[in-house]
Amino acid sequence: YLDDYYKHRKKYKELFDINIKEIDLNIIIDEIKYLFSSLKSNIITAKKLYSRLSIINKELINRYDLYGNPNKLFILCSIYINDFYYSQPFICLEKEAKMTNLDVIVKFIYENSEFTISDINNYINKMHLKRIRLYQEIIEEIGDDYVQINKEKYISKDIFNIDEEQLEQIKDELSFYINTKKILNSDDYRGYMMLPNLDYEWNEFLLLGIVRTYLKQSFKIIYKGKYTINEGYLLLDIKDKII
């Protein structure tokens, strides 16, 4: 914890000087275990633990001058409780190779066969994670395994029903359109009647979801939106090398 120590040297000194009671340590340990169990997660944030303790044990928060300071609670836990693993701001039940805000969200996604953007936002709120500004970063991370079917919803590739013949039809139609128009603006594209029938209703998000998951070797997606993947797209043929 040397890097963190030098950043928060004063807090560490204060916490090393605390004569924390064993009964209070056991309370914190029990609450951490409760959160692991109730959230069905091997990872929680110090903010989530702080929020829990603030509700059920304000006396403990006040006793160690932790009011309004989940980071200080994290440091206290990392110093005095060896039952868990720590990587700011996460407390983990098992040792994780990677622990970032994005990793925790992606881990949650892979535990589900389908999810919506609202599911991600609800999970972020429940876990007290940092808000996401660039959803594109998440979608690019899981794009090989999940297909976007509308503005909100994504389905695992394992249960998305499409075959090689249908993919070839889609590829041929998009190639023909782009070779003719030089560019495909998915906001304006109206050629869905030329695409094969699927179990899902055609829309711009499904079109780009299929390209992102299955056809990224043939086409390139350029996102118009800065902070969200749902603000419109440009779809280009890589072979044309249009930039």
Protein backbone atom coordinates (compact mmCIF):
# COMPACT_ATOMS: atom_id res chain seq x y z
CA TYR A 1 0.00 0.00 0.00
CA LEU A 2 3.00 2.34 -0.36
CA ASP A 3 1.47 4.49 -3.12
CA ASP A 4 -1.73 4.91 -1.16
CA TYR A 5 0.26 5.52 2.02
CA TYR A 6 2.16 8.45 0.51
CA LYS A 7 -1.04 9.94 -0.88
CA HIS A 8 -2.83 9.72 2.49
CA ARG A 9 0.05 9.74 4.96
CA LYS A 10 -1.81 11.82 7.55
CA LYS A 11 -4.82 9.52 7.53
CA TYR A 12 -2.62 6.45 7.85
CA LYS A 13 -0.81 7.95 10.85
CA GLU A 14 -4.13 8.73 12.52
CA LEU A 15 -5.40 5.22 11.89
CA PHE A 16 -2.21 3.51 13.04
CA ASP A 17 -2.57 5.44 16.28
CA ILE A 18 -6.16 4.31 16.82
CA ASN A 19 -6.72 1.82 19.60
CA ILE A 20 -9.60 0.13 17.83
CA LYS A 21 -11.67 -2.26 19.90
CA GLU A 22 -11.85 -5.88 18.83
CA ILE A 23 -15.64 -5.84 19.15
CA ASP A 24 -15.79 -2.98 16.62
CA LEU A 25 -13.51 -4.83 14.21
CA ASN A 26 -15.81 -7.85 14.45
CA ILE A 27 -18.82 -5.65 13.73
CA ILE A 28 -17.14 -4.32 10.58
CA ILE A 29 -16.13 -7.84 9.50
CA ASP A 30 -19.69 -9.10 9.99
CA GLU A 31 -21.10 -6.21 7.95
CA ILE A 32 -18.63 -6.82 5.13
CA LYS A 33 -19.66 -10.50 5.07
CA TYR A 34 -23.32 -9.48 5.14
CA LEU A 35 -22.83 -7.24 2.11
CA PHE A 36 -21.02 -9.97 0.19
CA SER A 37 -23.94 -12.28 0.89
CA SER A 38 -26.85 -9.86 0.37
CA LEU A 39 -25.40 -8.39 -2.82
CA LYS A 40 -24.33 -11.82 -4.09
CA SER A 41 -20.97 -10.37 -4.96
CA ASN A 42 -17.36 -11.07 -4.09
CA ILE A 43 -16.57 -7.37 -4.38
CA ILE A 44 -17.99 -4.36 -2.52
CA THR A 45 -16.92 -0.73 -2.33
CA ALA A 46 -15.84 1.14 0.78
CA LYS A 47 -18.71 3.56 0.05
CA LYS A 48 -21.22 0.71 0.25
CA LEU A 49 -19.77 -0.45 3.57
CA TYR A 50 -19.72 3.11 4.87
CA SER A 51 -23.36 3.61 3.86
CA ARG A 52 -24.35 0.40 5.65
CA LEU A 53 -22.50 1.32 8.85
CA SER A 54 -23.90 4.85 8.80
CA ILE A 55 -27.39 3.39 8.92
CA ILE A 56 -26.99 0.60 11.46
CA ASN A 57 -24.08 1.76 13.62
CA LYS A 58 -23.57 5.53 13.66
CA GLU A 59 -21.81 5.20 17.02
CA LEU A 60 -18.97 3.25 15.40
CA ILE A 61 -18.66 5.82 12.61
CA ASN A 62 -18.47 8.65 15.13
CA ARG A 63 -16.19 6.79 17.54
CA TYR A 64 -13.39 6.57 14.97
CA ASP A 65 -14.06 9.92 13.30
CA LEU A 66 -15.17 8.33 10.04
CA TYR A 67 -18.11 10.63 9.36
CA GLY A 68 -18.28 11.52 5.67
CA ASN A 69 -15.05 9.67 4.91
CA PRO A 70 -15.43 6.19 3.31
CA ASN A 71 -11.79 6.39 2.18
CA LYS A 72 -10.67 6.53 5.79
CA LEU A 73 -12.86 3.50 6.54
CA PHE A 74 -11.19 1.66 3.64
CA ILE A 75 -7.73 2.42 5.04
CA LEU A 76 -8.80 1.32 8.53
CA CYS A 77 -10.05 -1.99 7.14
CA SER A 78 -6.89 -2.57 5.09
CA ILE A 79 -4.73 -2.00 8.17
CA TYR A 80 -6.64 -3.95 10.80
CA ILE A 81 -8.65 -6.61 8.97
CA ASN A 82 -6.76 -9.36 7.14
CA ASP A 83 -9.78 -11.48 6.24
CA PHE A 84 -10.20 -9.77 2.85
CA TYR A 85 -8.29 -8.32 -0.10
CA TYR A 86 -8.12 -4.60 -0.85
CA SER A 87 -7.68 -2.44 -3.92
CA GLN A 88 -8.92 1.13 -3.57
CA PRO A 89 -11.89 1.51 -3.38
CA PHE A 90 -12.78 -2.21 -3.42
CA ILE A 91 -12.92 -4.79 -0.64
CA CYS A 92 -12.83 -8.32 -2.05
CA LEU A 93 -13.63 -11.76 -0.73
CA GLU A 94 -11.16 -13.36 -3.11
CA LYS A 95 -7.92 -12.11 -4.61
CA GLU A 96 -8.73 -10.54 -7.97
CA ALA A 97 -6.22 -10.18 -10.79
CA LYS A 98 -7.91 -6.93 -11.87
CA MET A 99 -10.08 -4.57 -9.90
CA THR A 100 -11.32 -1.37 -11.50
CA ASN A 101 -14.75 0.21 -11.74
CA LEU A 102 -15.09 -1.14 -15.29
CA ASP A 103 -13.99 -4.65 -14.24
CA VAL A 104 -16.68 -4.85 -11.56
CA ILE A 105 -19.41 -3.76 -14.00
CA VAL A 106 -18.22 -6.16 -16.71
CA LYS A 107 -18.12 -8.99 -14.15
CA PHE A 108 -21.76 -8.25 -13.31
CA ILE A 109 -22.72 -8.27 -17.01
CA TYR A 110 -21.12 -11.67 -17.63
CA GLU A 111 -23.21 -13.14 -14.82
CA ASN A 112 -26.36 -12.47 -16.91
CA SER A 113 -27.58 -13.87 -20.24
CA GLU A 114 -29.18 -10.49 -21.02
CA PHE A 115 -29.12 -7.00 -19.56
CA THR A 116 -30.24 -3.44 -20.18
CA ILE A 117 -28.53 -0.09 -19.68
CA SER A 118 -30.99 0.45 -16.82
CA ASP A 119 -29.75 -2.80 -15.21
CA ILE A 120 -26.19 -1.42 -15.32
CA ASN A 121 -27.26 1.91 -13.81
CA ASN A 122 -29.23 0.16 -11.06
CA TYR A 123 -26.23 -2.05 -10.28
CA ILE A 124 -23.94 0.98 -10.15
CA ASN A 125 -26.30 2.67 -7.69
CA LYS A 126 -26.72 -0.45 -5.57
CA MET A 127 -22.98 -1.09 -5.36
CA HIS A 128 -22.04 2.60 -4.91
CA LEU A 129 -19.78 2.47 -7.97
CA LYS A 130 -18.67 5.48 -10.02
CA ARG A 131 -21.15 6.68 -12.59
CA ILE A 132 -20.36 5.75 -16.19
CA ARG A 133 -19.95 8.49 -18.78
CA LEU A 134 -18.56 6.46 -21.65
CA TYR A 135 -20.89 3.48 -22.09
CA GLN A 136 -19.04 2.79 -25.31
CA GLU A 137 -16.10 1.57 -23.22
CA ILE A 138 -18.29 -1.09 -21.59
CA ILE A 139 -19.96 -2.16 -24.83
CA GLU A 140 -16.64 -2.49 -26.64
CA GLU A 141 -15.41 -4.63 -23.74
CA ILE A 142 -18.29 -7.13 -24.02
CA GLY A 143 -19.16 -6.62 -27.71
CA ASP A 144 -17.77 -9.99 -28.80
CA ASP A 145 -20.12 -11.83 -26.47
CA TYR A 146 -23.31 -9.74 -26.32
CA VAL A 147 -25.51 -8.46 -29.15
CA GLN A 148 -27.34 -5.14 -28.82
CA ILE A 149 -30.94 -5.61 -29.99
CA ASN A 150 -32.44 -2.18 -29.24
CA LYS A 151 -31.53 1.09 -27.55
CA GLU A 152 -31.56 -0.50 -24.07
CA LYS A 153 -31.17 -4.25 -24.31
CA TYR A 154 -28.31 -6.68 -24.95
CA ILE A 155 -28.48 -10.47 -25.32
CA SER A 156 -25.73 -13.04 -24.93
CA LYS A 157 -24.31 -14.30 -28.21
CA ASP A 158 -24.93 -17.84 -26.91
CA ILE A 159 -28.71 -17.38 -27.07
CA PHE A 160 -28.94 -14.89 -29.95
CA ASN A 161 -30.50 -16.77 -32.86
CA ILE A 162 -28.66 -16.13 -36.13
CA ASP A 163 -26.91 -18.44 -38.59
CA GLU A 164 -24.05 -18.11 -41.06
CA GLU A 165 -26.36 -17.79 -44.06
CA GLN A 166 -28.20 -14.86 -42.47
CA LEU A 167 -24.90 -13.20 -41.54
CA GLU A 168 -23.68 -13.57 -45.12
CA GLN A 169 -26.90 -11.94 -46.39
CA ILE A 170 -26.43 -9.01 -44.02
CA LYS A 171 -22.79 -8.62 -44.99
CA ASP A 172 -23.60 -8.68 -48.73
CA GLU A 173 -26.41 -6.11 -48.39
CA LEU A 174 -24.33 -3.71 -46.29
CA SER A 175 -21.35 -4.07 -48.64
CA PHE A 176 -23.55 -3.31 -51.64
CA TYR A 177 -25.08 -0.27 -49.90
CA ILE A 178 -21.71 1.13 -48.78
CA ASN A 179 -20.04 0.50 -52.14
CA THR A 180 -22.89 2.48 -53.70
CA LYS A 181 -23.27 5.28 -51.16
CA LYS A 182 -19.71 5.23 -49.77
CA ILE A 183 -21.11 5.68 -46.27
CA LEU A 184 -24.00 4.30 -44.22
CA ASN A 185 -25.59 6.58 -41.66
CA SER A 186 -27.57 4.25 -39.40
CA ASP A 187 -29.90 7.10 -38.39
CA ASP A 188 -31.08 7.36 -41.99
CA TYR A 189 -30.78 3.75 -43.20
CA ARG A 190 -34.13 2.33 -44.35
CA GLY A 191 -33.05 -0.86 -46.13
CA TYR A 192 -34.20 -3.31 -43.47
CA MET A 193 -36.60 -5.03 -45.91
CA MET A 194 -33.52 -6.24 -47.78
CA LEU A 195 -32.16 -7.97 -44.66
CA PRO A 196 -33.15 -11.50 -43.53
CA ASN A 197 -35.97 -12.07 -41.05
CA LEU A 198 -34.72 -12.62 -37.50
CA ASP A 199 -36.41 -13.31 -34.18
CA TYR A 200 -35.97 -9.61 -33.38
CA GLU A 201 -37.41 -6.49 -34.95
CA TRP A 202 -34.92 -4.67 -37.15
CA ASN A 203 -33.72 -1.25 -35.95
CA GLU A 204 -30.47 0.74 -36.10
CA PHE A 205 -29.26 -0.66 -32.77
CA LEU A 206 -29.78 -4.29 -33.81
CA LEU A 207 -28.03 -3.60 -37.12
CA LEU A 208 -24.99 -2.16 -35.42
CA GLY A 209 -25.12 -4.75 -32.65
CA ILE A 210 -24.79 -7.51 -35.24
CA VAL A 211 -21.94 -5.69 -36.98
CA ARG A 212 -20.17 -5.10 -33.67
CA THR A 213 -20.44 -8.73 -32.56
CA TYR A 214 -20.21 -10.71 -35.81
CA LEU A 215 -18.94 -8.55 -38.69
CA LYS A 216 -16.29 -6.26 -37.25
CA GLN A 217 -13.67 -7.80 -39.56
CA SER A 218 -15.61 -6.46 -42.54
CA PHE A 219 -16.97 -3.14 -41.26
CA LYS A 220 -15.93 -0.31 -39.03
CA ILE A 221 -18.27 1.54 -36.67
CA ILE A 222 -17.67 5.20 -35.86
CA TYR A 223 -19.66 6.58 -32.95
CA LYS A 224 -21.12 10.06 -33.26
CA GLY A 225 -21.97 10.40 -29.57
CA LYS A 226 -19.20 11.39 -27.18
CA TYR A 227 -20.66 9.94 -24.00
CA THR A 228 -23.09 7.28 -25.20
CA ILE A 229 -23.25 4.73 -27.97
CA ASN A 230 -26.90 5.63 -28.57
CA GLU A 231 -26.46 9.04 -30.22
CA GLY A 232 -26.20 7.78 -33.80
CA TYR A 233 -23.49 6.08 -35.81
CA LEU A 234 -21.60 5.99 -39.05
CA LEU A 235 -20.87 2.60 -40.50
CA LEU A 236 -17.95 2.29 -42.93
CA ASP A 237 -16.51 -0.55 -44.96
CA ILE A 238 -12.95 -1.16 -43.76
CA LYS A 239 -11.90 -2.28 -47.23
CA ASP A 240 -12.69 1.22 -48.57
CA LYS A 241 -10.35 2.71 -45.95
CA ILE A 242 -12.60 5.74 -45.60
CA ILE A 243 -11.62 7.84 -42.56
